[in-house]
Amino acid sequence: MTKKDDYLQKAQAQIDELKANVEQLSAKTEKMVADQKIEAQKQMQKLEANMEKAQAKLKEISNSAEDAWQDAAKKFETLTEEIGASVKKFWSNKG
């Protein structure tokens, strides 16, 4: 075997090792993406549940007596602020 052949064999071994490393990284990336997708779905479910609460609170305000609607409105405003903050946090984590 010549020096060139030795070198080519060694280089091929390095290529094979690098390829294996890239494949491992690719698998981790796919898993990370899947984990992020699961987390995003959980966050979306929470946001949707809070939106339903906000809709119910708005209906409560609509059905409240004239002297009682302001208390329900404060709760509605707090809830919508929480939803807005959750949406901003969600997008900032994805960007």
PDB file of N, CA and C in Angstrom:
ATOM      1  N   MET A   1       0.847  -1.171   0.000  1.00  0.00           N
ATOM      2  CA  MET A   1       0.000   0.000   0.000  1.00  0.00           C
ATOM      3  C   MET A   1       0.901   1.244   0.000  1.00  0.00           C
ATOM      4  N   THR A   2       0.555   2.207  -0.798  1.00  0.00           N
ATOM      5  CA  THR A   2       1.335   3.438  -0.893  1.00  0.00           C
ATOM      6  C   THR A   2       0.875   4.429   0.167  1.00  0.00           C
ATOM      7  N   LYS A   3       1.657   5.483   0.324  1.00  0.00           N
ATOM      8  CA  LYS A   3       1.277   6.546   1.255  1.00  0.00           C
ATOM      9  C   LYS A   3      -0.050   7.171   0.847  1.00  0.00           C
ATOM     10  N   LYS A   4      -0.210   7.289  -0.470  1.00  0.00           N
ATOM     11  CA  LYS A   4      -1.464   7.849  -0.975  1.00  0.00           C
ATOM     12  C   LYS A   4      -2.639   6.973  -0.574  1.00  0.00           C
ATOM     13  N   ASP A   5      -2.504   5.676  -0.727  1.00  0.00           N
ATOM     14  CA  ASP A   5      -3.568   4.741  -0.352  1.00  0.00           C
ATOM     15  C   ASP A   5      -3.863   4.823   1.148  1.00  0.00           C
ATOM     16  N   ASP A   6      -2.802   4.920   1.945  1.00  0.00           N
ATOM     17  CA  ASP A   6      -2.970   5.063   3.400  1.00  0.00           C
ATOM     18  C   ASP A   6      -3.746   6.342   3.722  1.00  0.00           C
ATOM     19  N   TYR A   7      -3.343   7.401   3.047  1.00  0.00           N
ATOM     20  CA  TYR A   7      -4.006   8.688   3.280  1.00  0.00           C
ATOM     21  C   TYR A   7      -5.474   8.628   2.877  1.00  0.00           C
ATOM     22  N   LEU A   8      -5.754   8.055   1.707  1.00  0.00           N
ATOM     23  CA  LEU A   8      -7.140   7.936   1.235  1.00  0.00           C
ATOM     24  C   LEU A   8      -7.983   7.105   2.193  1.00  0.00           C
ATOM     25  N   GLN A   9      -7.404   6.050   2.726  1.00  0.00           N
ATOM     26  CA  GLN A   9      -8.122   5.206   3.686  1.00  0.00           C
ATOM     27  C   GLN A   9      -8.423   6.003   4.965  1.00  0.00           C
ATOM     28  N   LYS A  10      -7.415   6.730   5.441  1.00  0.00           N
ATOM     29  CA  LYS A  10      -7.595   7.556   6.642  1.00  0.00           C
ATOM     30  C   LYS A  10      -8.628   8.664   6.396  1.00  0.00           C
ATOM     31  N   ALA A  11      -8.556   9.286   5.222  1.00  0.00           N
ATOM     32  CA  ALA A  11      -9.504  10.353   4.884  1.00  0.00           C
ATOM     33  C   ALA A  11     -10.923   9.804   4.795  1.00  0.00           C
ATOM     34  N   GLN A  12     -11.069   8.607   4.218  1.00  0.00           N
ATOM     35  CA  GLN A  12     -12.396   7.995   4.121  1.00  0.00           C
ATOM     36  C   GLN A  12     -12.953   7.696   5.512  1.00  0.00           C
ATOM     37  N   ALA A  13     -12.104   7.253   6.414  1.00  0.00           N
ATOM     38  CA  ALA A  13     -12.529   6.990   7.788  1.00  0.00           C
ATOM     39  C   ALA A  13     -13.002   8.287   8.452  1.00  0.00           C
ATOM     40  N   GLN A  14     -12.287   9.386   8.192  1.00  0.00           N
ATOM     41  CA  GLN A  14     -12.706  10.682   8.745  1.00  0.00           C
ATOM     42  C   GLN A  14     -14.045  11.103   8.164  1.00  0.00           C
ATOM     43  N   ILE A  15     -14.203  10.905   6.856  1.00  0.00           N
ATOM     44  CA  ILE A  15     -15.471  11.236   6.196  1.00  0.00           C
ATOM     45  C   ILE A  15     -16.605  10.417   6.808  1.00  0.00           C
ATOM     46  N   ASP A  16     -16.365   9.130   7.009  1.00  0.00           N
ATOM     47  CA  ASP A  16     -17.390   8.256   7.591  1.00  0.00           C
ATOM     48  C   ASP A  16     -17.758   8.708   9.000  1.00  0.00           C
ATOM     49  N   GLU A  17     -16.768   9.100   9.777  1.00  0.00           N
ATOM     50  CA  GLU A  17     -17.013   9.576  11.136  1.00  0.00           C
ATOM     51  C   GLU A  17     -17.812  10.881  11.118  1.00  0.00           C
ATOM     52  N   LEU A  18     -17.406  11.789  10.241  1.00  0.00           N
ATOM     53  CA  LEU A  18     -18.137  13.059  10.128  1.00  0.00           C
ATOM     54  C   LEU A  18     -19.573  12.837   9.676  1.00  0.00           C
ATOM     55  N   LYS A  19     -19.758  11.917   8.742  1.00  0.00           N
ATOM     56  CA  LYS A  19     -21.099  11.599   8.255  1.00  0.00           C
ATOM     57  C   LYS A  19     -21.964  11.074   9.398  1.00  0.00           C
ATOM     58  N   ALA A  20     -21.389  10.205  10.225  1.00  0.00           N
ATOM     59  CA  ALA A  20     -22.120   9.672  11.375  1.00  0.00           C
ATOM     60  C   ALA A  20     -22.495  10.792  12.339  1.00  0.00           C
ATOM     61  N   ASN A  21     -21.575  11.731  12.557  1.00  0.00           N
ATOM     62  CA  ASN A  21     -21.860  12.865  13.439  1.00  0.00           C
ATOM     63  C   ASN A  21     -22.976  13.735  12.876  1.00  0.00           C
ATOM     64  N   VAL A  22     -22.925  13.971  11.578  1.00  0.00           N
ATOM     65  CA  VAL A  22     -23.972  14.783  10.940  1.00  0.00           C
ATOM     66  C   VAL A  22     -25.323  14.081  11.051  1.00  0.00           C
ATOM     67  N   GLU A  23     -25.342  12.788  10.860  1.00  0.00           N
ATOM     68  CA  GLU A  23     -26.593  12.029  10.985  1.00  0.00           C
ATOM     69  C   GLU A  23     -27.140  12.099  12.408  1.00  0.00           C
ATOM     70  N   GLN A  24     -26.252  12.053  13.402  1.00  0.00           N
ATOM     71  CA  GLN A  24     -26.683  12.176  14.797  1.00  0.00           C
ATOM     72  C   GLN A  24     -27.267  13.558  15.048  1.00  0.00           C
ATOM     73  N   LEU A  25     -26.608  14.584  14.538  1.00  0.00           N
ATOM     74  CA  LEU A  25     -27.122  15.943  14.696  1.00  0.00           C
ATOM     75  C   LEU A  25     -28.469  16.109  14.010  1.00  0.00           C
ATOM     76  N   SER A  26     -28.595  15.501  12.852  1.00  0.00           N
ATOM     77  CA  SER A  26     -29.857  15.570  12.126  1.00  0.00           C
ATOM     78  C   SER A  26     -30.982  14.925  12.929  1.00  0.00           C
ATOM     79  N   ALA A  27     -30.696  13.788  13.532  1.00  0.00           N
ATOM     80  CA  ALA A  27     -31.698  13.114  14.359  1.00  0.00           C
ATOM     81  C   ALA A  27     -32.069  13.961  15.566  1.00  0.00           C
ATOM     82  N   LYS A  28     -31.063  14.583  16.189  1.00  0.00           N
ATOM     83  CA  LYS A  28     -31.345  15.460  17.333  1.00  0.00           C
ATOM     84  C   LYS A  28     -32.175  16.661  16.906  1.00  0.00           C
ATOM     85  N   THR A  29     -31.865  17.208  15.733  1.00  0.00           N
ATOM     86  CA  THR A  29     -32.609  18.345  15.229  1.00  0.00           C
ATOM     87  C   THR A  29     -34.067  17.973  14.984  1.00  0.00           C
ATOM     88  N   GLU A  30     -34.284  16.816  14.383  1.00  0.00           N
ATOM     89  CA  GLU A  30     -35.658  16.362  14.140  1.00  0.00           C
ATOM     90  C   GLU A  30     -36.404  16.181  15.451  1.00  0.00           C
ATOM     91  N   LYS A  31     -35.728  15.624  16.446  1.00  0.00           N
ATOM     92  CA  LYS A  31     -36.354  15.431  17.747  1.00  0.00           C
ATOM     93  C   LYS A  31     -36.635  16.777  18.393  1.00  0.00           C
ATOM     94  N   MET A  32     -35.685  17.695  18.292  1.00  0.00           N
ATOM     95  CA  MET A  32     -35.866  19.014  18.879  1.00  0.00           C
ATOM     96  C   MET A  32     -37.050  19.707  18.219  1.00  0.00           C
ATOM     97  N   VAL A  33     -37.148  19.605  16.936  1.00  0.00           N
ATOM     98  CA  VAL A  33     -38.266  20.213  16.234  1.00  0.00           C
ATOM     99  C   VAL A  33     -39.572  19.587  16.702  1.00  0.00           C
ATOM    100  N   ALA A  34     -39.583  18.271  16.864  1.00  0.00           N
ATOM    101  CA  ALA A  34     -40.790  17.592  17.337  1.00  0.00           C
ATOM    102  C   ALA A  34     -41.139  18.037  18.752  1.00  0.00           C
ATOM    103  N   ASP A  35     -40.127  18.146  19.619  1.00  0.00           N
ATOM    104  CA  ASP A  35     -40.368  18.613  20.981  1.00  0.00           C
ATOM    105  C   ASP A  35     -40.906  20.039  20.980  1.00  0.00           C
ATOM    106  N   GLN A  36     -40.345  20.882  20.129  1.00  0.00           N
ATOM    107  CA  GLN A  36     -40.817  22.262  20.041  1.00  0.00           C
ATOM    108  C   GLN A  36     -42.248  22.300  19.525  1.00  0.00           C
ATOM    109  N   LYS A  37     -42.555  21.411  18.605  1.00  0.00           N
ATOM    110  CA  LYS A  37     -43.914  21.343  18.069  1.00  0.00           C
ATOM    111  C   LYS A  37     -44.899  20.947  19.169  1.00  0.00           C
ATOM    112  N   ILE A  38     -44.515  19.969  19.973  1.00  0.00           N
ATOM    113  CA  ILE A  38     -45.373  19.528  21.081  1.00  0.00           C
ATOM    114  C   ILE A  38     -45.579  20.674  22.059  1.00  0.00           C
ATOM    115  N   GLU A  39     -44.497  21.377  22.396  1.00  0.00           N
ATOM    116  CA  GLU A  39     -44.603  22.514  23.318  1.00  0.00           C
ATOM    117  C   GLU A  39     -45.494  23.602  22.729  1.00  0.00           C
ATOM    118  N   ALA A  40     -45.338  23.859  21.448  1.00  0.00           N
ATOM    119  CA  ALA A  40     -46.166  24.873  20.792  1.00  0.00           C
ATOM    120  C   ALA A  40     -47.637  24.477  20.835  1.00  0.00           C
ATOM    121  N   GLN A  41     -47.921  23.194  20.621  1.00  0.00           N
ATOM    122  CA  GLN A  41     -49.305  22.732  20.677  1.00  0.00           C
ATOM    123  C   GLN A  41     -49.883  22.889  22.076  1.00  0.00           C
ATOM    124  N   LYS A  42     -49.068  22.608  23.101  1.00  0.00           N
ATOM    125  CA  LYS A  42     -49.531  22.799  24.484  1.00  0.00           C
ATOM    126  C   LYS A  42     -49.843  24.266  24.739  1.00  0.00           C
ATOM    127  N   GLN A  43     -48.958  25.135  24.292  1.00  0.00           N
ATOM    128  CA  GLN A  43     -49.176  26.565  24.484  1.00  0.00           C
ATOM    129  C   GLN A  43     -50.420  27.032  23.737  1.00  0.00           C
ATOM    130  N   MET A  44     -50.626  26.501  22.534  1.00  0.00           N
ATOM    131  CA  MET A  44     -51.811  26.879  21.767  1.00  0.00           C
ATOM    132  C   MET A  44     -53.085  26.409  22.458  1.00  0.00           C
ATOM    133  N   GLN A  45     -53.066  25.229  23.057  1.00  0.00           N
ATOM    134  CA  GLN A  45     -54.235  24.740  23.782  1.00  0.00           C
ATOM    135  C   GLN A  45     -54.561  25.654  24.961  1.00  0.00           C
ATOM    136  N   LYS A  46     -53.518  26.108  25.664  1.00  0.00           N
ATOM    137  CA  LYS A  46     -53.734  27.030  26.781  1.00  0.00           C
ATOM    138  C   LYS A  46     -54.305  28.341  26.281  1.00  0.00           C
ATOM    139  N   LEU A  47     -53.755  28.837  25.174  1.00  0.00           N
ATOM    140  CA  LEU A  47     -54.268  30.088  24.612  1.00  0.00           C
ATOM    141  C   LEU A  47     -55.727  29.943  24.187  1.00  0.00           C
ATOM    142  N   GLU A  48     -56.058  28.834  23.548  1.00  0.00           N
ATOM    143  CA  GLU A  48     -57.439  28.609  23.121  1.00  0.00           C
ATOM    144  C   GLU A  48     -58.377  28.515  24.314  1.00  0.00           C
ATOM    145  N   ALA A  49     -57.941  27.861  25.384  1.00  0.00           N
ATOM    146  CA  ALA A  49     -58.764  27.763  26.595  1.00  0.00           C
ATOM    147  C   ALA A  49     -58.978  29.152  27.196  1.00  0.00           C
ATOM    148  N   ASN A  50     -57.922  29.949  27.215  1.00  0.00           N
ATOM    149  CA  ASN A  50     -58.059  31.314  27.741  1.00  0.00           C
ATOM    150  C   ASN A  50     -58.948  32.166  26.848  1.00  0.00           C
ATOM    151  N   MET A  51     -58.896  31.931  25.555  1.00  0.00           N
ATOM    152  CA  MET A  51     -59.785  32.668  24.650  1.00  0.00           C
ATOM    153  C   MET A  51     -61.246  32.312  24.931  1.00  0.00           C
ATOM    154  N   GLU A  52     -61.499  31.033  25.205  1.00  0.00           N
ATOM    155  CA  GLU A  52     -62.863  30.622  25.552  1.00  0.00           C
ATOM    156  C   GLU A  52     -63.310  31.290  26.851  1.00  0.00           C
ATOM    157  N   LYS A  53     -62.408  31.378  27.825  1.00  0.00           N
ATOM    158  CA  LYS A  53     -62.724  32.060  29.082  1.00  0.00           C
ATOM    159  C   LYS A  53     -63.022  33.528  28.825  1.00  0.00           C
ATOM    160  N   ALA A  54     -62.222  34.131  27.961  1.00  0.00           N
ATOM    161  CA  ALA A  54     -62.436  35.548  27.639  1.00  0.00           C
ATOM    162  C   ALA A  54     -63.791  35.744  26.972  1.00  0.00           C
ATOM    163  N   GLN A  55     -64.149  34.840  26.070  1.00  0.00           N
ATOM    164  CA  GLN A  55     -65.446  34.923  25.402  1.00  0.00           C
ATOM    165  C   GLN A  55     -66.582  34.772  26.413  1.00  0.00           C
ATOM    166  N   ALA A  56     -66.423  33.851  27.358  1.00  0.00           N
ATOM    167  CA  ALA A  56     -67.439  33.654  28.397  1.00  0.00           C
ATOM    168  C   ALA A  56     -67.534  34.893  29.288  1.00  0.00           C
ATOM    169  N   LYS A  57     -66.373  35.487  29.598  1.00  0.00           N
ATOM    170  CA  LYS A  57     -66.358  36.686  30.437  1.00  0.00           C
ATOM    171  C   LYS A  57     -67.043  37.845  29.712  1.00  0.00           C
ATOM    172  N   LEU A  58     -66.825  37.941  28.408  1.00  0.00           N
ATOM    173  CA  LEU A  58     -67.486  38.990  27.625  1.00  0.00           C
ATOM    174  C   LEU A  58     -69.003  38.796  27.643  1.00  0.00           C
ATOM    175  N   LYS A  59     -69.429  37.550  27.549  1.00  0.00           N
ATOM    176  CA  LYS A  59     -70.864  37.255  27.620  1.00  0.00           C
ATOM    177  C   LYS A  59     -71.397  37.627  29.003  1.00  0.00           C
ATOM    178  N   GLU A  60     -70.590  37.344  30.036  1.00  0.00           N
ATOM    179  CA  GLU A  60     -70.986  37.705  31.404  1.00  0.00           C
ATOM    180  C   GLU A  60     -71.157  39.217  31.525  1.00  0.00           C
ATOM    181  N   ILE A  61     -70.253  39.953  30.917  1.00  0.00           N
ATOM    182  CA  ILE A  61     -70.361  41.422  30.949  1.00  0.00           C
ATOM    183  C   ILE A  61     -71.642  41.851  30.257  1.00  0.00           C
ATOM    184  N   SER A  62     -71.907  41.233  29.118  1.00  0.00           N
ATOM    185  CA  SER A  62     -73.100  41.574  28.352  1.00  0.00           C
ATOM    186  C   SER A  62     -74.376  41.294  29.141  1.00  0.00           C
ATOM    187  N   ASN A  63     -74.379  40.226  29.931  1.00  0.00           N
ATOM    188  CA  ASN A  63     -75.563  39.834  30.689  1.00  0.00           C
ATOM    189  C   ASN A  63     -75.624  40.432  32.092  1.00  0.00           C
ATOM    190  N   SER A  64     -74.581  41.150  32.480  1.00  0.00           N
ATOM    191  CA  SER A  64     -74.542  41.717  33.829  1.00  0.00           C
ATOM    192  C   SER A  64     -75.474  42.912  33.958  1.00  0.00           C
ATOM    193  N   ALA A  65     -75.904  43.120  35.178  1.00  0.00           N
ATOM    194  CA  ALA A  65     -76.710  44.293  35.476  1.00  0.00           C
ATOM    195  C   ALA A  65     -75.839  45.533  35.310  1.00  0.00           C
ATOM    196  N   GLU A  66     -76.455  46.644  35.098  1.00  0.00           N
ATOM    197  CA  GLU A  66     -75.734  47.889  34.846  1.00  0.00           C
ATOM    198  C   GLU A  66     -74.746  48.223  35.962  1.00  0.00           C
ATOM    199  N   ASP A  67     -75.080  47.914  37.195  1.00  0.00           N
ATOM    200  CA  ASP A  67     -74.201  48.270  38.312  1.00  0.00           C
ATOM    201  C   ASP A  67     -73.128  47.210  38.598  1.00  0.00           C
ATOM    202  N   ALA A  68     -73.159  46.042  37.906  1.00  0.00           N
ATOM    203  CA  ALA A  68     -72.221  44.964  38.204  1.00  0.00           C
ATOM    204  C   ALA A  68     -71.251  44.650  37.056  1.00  0.00           C
ATOM    205  N   TRP A  69     -71.434  45.229  35.912  1.00  0.00           N
ATOM    206  CA  TRP A  69     -70.639  44.855  34.760  1.00  0.00           C
ATOM    207  C   TRP A  69     -69.171  45.273  34.865  1.00  0.00           C
ATOM    208  N   GLN A  70     -68.894  46.319  35.638  1.00  0.00           N
ATOM    209  CA  GLN A  70     -67.518  46.812  35.709  1.00  0.00           C
ATOM    210  C   GLN A  70     -66.573  45.811  36.380  1.00  0.00           C
ATOM    211  N   ASP A  71     -67.051  45.076  37.358  1.00  0.00           N
ATOM    212  CA  ASP A  71     -66.229  44.055  38.000  1.00  0.00           C
ATOM    213  C   ASP A  71     -65.879  42.956  36.988  1.00  0.00           C
ATOM    214  N   ALA A  72     -66.865  42.528  36.220  1.00  0.00           N
ATOM    215  CA  ALA A  72     -66.624  41.517  35.189  1.00  0.00           C
ATOM    216  C   ALA A  72     -65.687  42.078  34.118  1.00  0.00           C
ATOM    217  N   ALA A  73     -65.814  43.358  33.813  1.00  0.00           N
ATOM    218  CA  ALA A  73     -64.950  43.979  32.805  1.00  0.00           C
ATOM    219  C   ALA A  73     -63.493  43.989  33.260  1.00  0.00           C
ATOM    220  N   LYS A  74     -63.263  44.238  34.539  1.00  0.00           N
ATOM    221  CA  LYS A  74     -61.887  44.220  35.059  1.00  0.00           C
ATOM    222  C   LYS A  74     -61.277  42.828  34.921  1.00  0.00           C
ATOM    223  N   LYS A  75     -62.068  41.806  35.230  1.00  0.00           N
ATOM    224  CA  LYS A  75     -61.594  40.432  35.087  1.00  0.00           C
ATOM    225  C   LYS A  75     -61.320  40.111  33.615  1.00  0.00           C
ATOM    226  N   PHE A  76     -62.172  40.603  32.740  1.00  0.00           N
ATOM    227  CA  PHE A  76     -61.986  40.401  31.311  1.00  0.00           C
ATOM    228  C   PHE A  76     -60.692  41.057  30.838  1.00  0.00           C
ATOM    229  N   GLU A  77     -60.458  42.285  31.269  1.00  0.00           N
ATOM    230  CA  GLU A  77     -59.239  43.003  30.872  1.00  0.00           C
ATOM    231  C   GLU A  77     -57.992  42.276  31.363  1.00  0.00           C
ATOM    232  N   THR A  78     -58.025  41.780  32.584  1.00  0.00           N
ATOM    233  CA  THR A  78     -56.887  41.026  33.119  1.00  0.00           C
ATOM    234  C   THR A  78     -56.642  39.781  32.281  1.00  0.00           C
ATOM    235  N   LEU A  79     -57.698  39.079  31.968  1.00  0.00           N
ATOM    236  CA  LEU A  79     -57.580  37.857  31.171  1.00  0.00           C
ATOM    237  C   LEU A  79     -57.039  38.159  29.777  1.00  0.00           C
ATOM    238  N   THR A  80     -57.535  39.198  29.128  1.00  0.00           N
ATOM    239  CA  THR A  80     -57.047  39.513  27.782  1.00  0.00           C
ATOM    240  C   THR A  80     -55.590  39.992  27.813  1.00  0.00           C
ATOM    241  N   GLU A  81     -55.188  40.669  28.873  1.00  0.00           N
ATOM    242  CA  GLU A  81     -53.783  41.062  29.010  1.00  0.00           C
ATOM    243  C   GLU A  81     -52.894  39.826  29.135  1.00  0.00           C
ATOM    244  N   GLU A  82     -53.363  38.839  29.898  1.00  0.00           N
ATOM    245  CA  GLU A  82     -52.617  37.588  30.038  1.00  0.00           C
ATOM    246  C   GLU A  82     -52.502  36.866  28.698  1.00  0.00           C
ATOM    247  N   ILE A  83     -53.575  36.857  27.947  1.00  0.00           N
ATOM    248  CA  ILE A  83     -53.554  36.211  26.636  1.00  0.00           C
ATOM    249  C   ILE A  83     -52.565  36.937  25.719  1.00  0.00           C
ATOM    250  N   GLY A  84     -52.625  38.260  25.705  1.00  0.00           N
ATOM    251  CA  GLY A  84     -51.700  39.035  24.878  1.00  0.00           C
ATOM    252  C   GLY A  84     -50.250  38.778  25.248  1.00  0.00           C
ATOM    253  N   ALA A  85     -49.968  38.716  26.540  1.00  0.00           N
ATOM    254  CA  ALA A  85     -48.604  38.431  26.997  1.00  0.00           C
ATOM    255  C   ALA A  85     -48.182  37.020  26.591  1.00  0.00           C
ATOM    256  N   SER A  86     -49.102  36.078  26.672  1.00  0.00           N
ATOM    257  CA  SER A  86     -48.788  34.700  26.271  1.00  0.00           C
ATOM    258  C   SER A  86     -48.484  34.615  24.777  1.00  0.00           C
ATOM    259  N   VAL A  87     -49.248  35.340  23.980  1.00  0.00           N
ATOM    260  CA  VAL A  87     -49.014  35.349  22.535  1.00  0.00           C
ATOM    261  C   VAL A  87     -47.642  35.950  22.225  1.00  0.00           C
ATOM    262  N   LYS A  88     -47.323  37.068  22.871  1.00  0.00           N
ATOM    263  CA  LYS A  88     -46.010  37.693  22.647  1.00  0.00           C
ATOM    264  C   LYS A  88     -44.882  36.755  23.057  1.00  0.00           C
ATOM    265  N   LYS A  89     -45.051  36.083  24.194  1.00  0.00           N
ATOM    266  CA  LYS A  89     -44.025  35.150  24.672  1.00  0.00           C
ATOM    267  C   LYS A  89     -43.865  33.994  23.696  1.00  0.00           C
ATOM    268  N   PHE A  90     -44.981  33.469  23.209  1.00  0.00           N
ATOM    269  CA  PHE A  90     -44.966  32.376  22.256  1.00  0.00           C
ATOM    270  C   PHE A  90     -44.173  32.763  21.015  1.00  0.00           C
ATOM    271  N   TRP A  91     -44.464  33.918  20.447  1.00  0.00           N
ATOM    272  CA  TRP A  91     -43.776  34.347  19.222  1.00  0.00           C
ATOM    273  C   TRP A  91     -42.321  34.709  19.479  1.00  0.00           C
ATOM    274  N   SER A  92     -42.028  35.281  20.633  1.00  0.00           N
ATOM    275  CA  SER A  92     -40.635  35.633  20.909  1.00  0.00           C
ATOM    276  C   SER A  92     -39.789  34.372  21.074  1.00  0.00           C
ATOM    277  N   ASN A  93     -40.377  33.292  21.562  1.00  0.00           N
ATOM    278  CA  ASN A  93     -39.660  32.026  21.694  1.00  0.00           C
ATOM    279  C   ASN A  93     -39.451  31.348  20.353  1.00  0.00           C
ATOM    280  N   LYS A  94     -40.267  31.680  19.372  1.00  0.00           N
ATOM    281  CA  LYS A  94     -40.157  31.051  18.051  1.00  0.00           C
ATOM    282  C   LYS A  94     -39.290  31.860  17.104  1.00  0.00           C
ATOM    283  N   GLY A  95     -39.046  33.094  17.442  1.00  0.00           N
ATOM    284  CA  GLY A  95     -38.306  33.976  16.528  1.00  0.00           C
ATOM    285  C   GLY A  95     -36.872  33.972  16.706  1.00  0.00           C
TER     286      GLY A  95
END
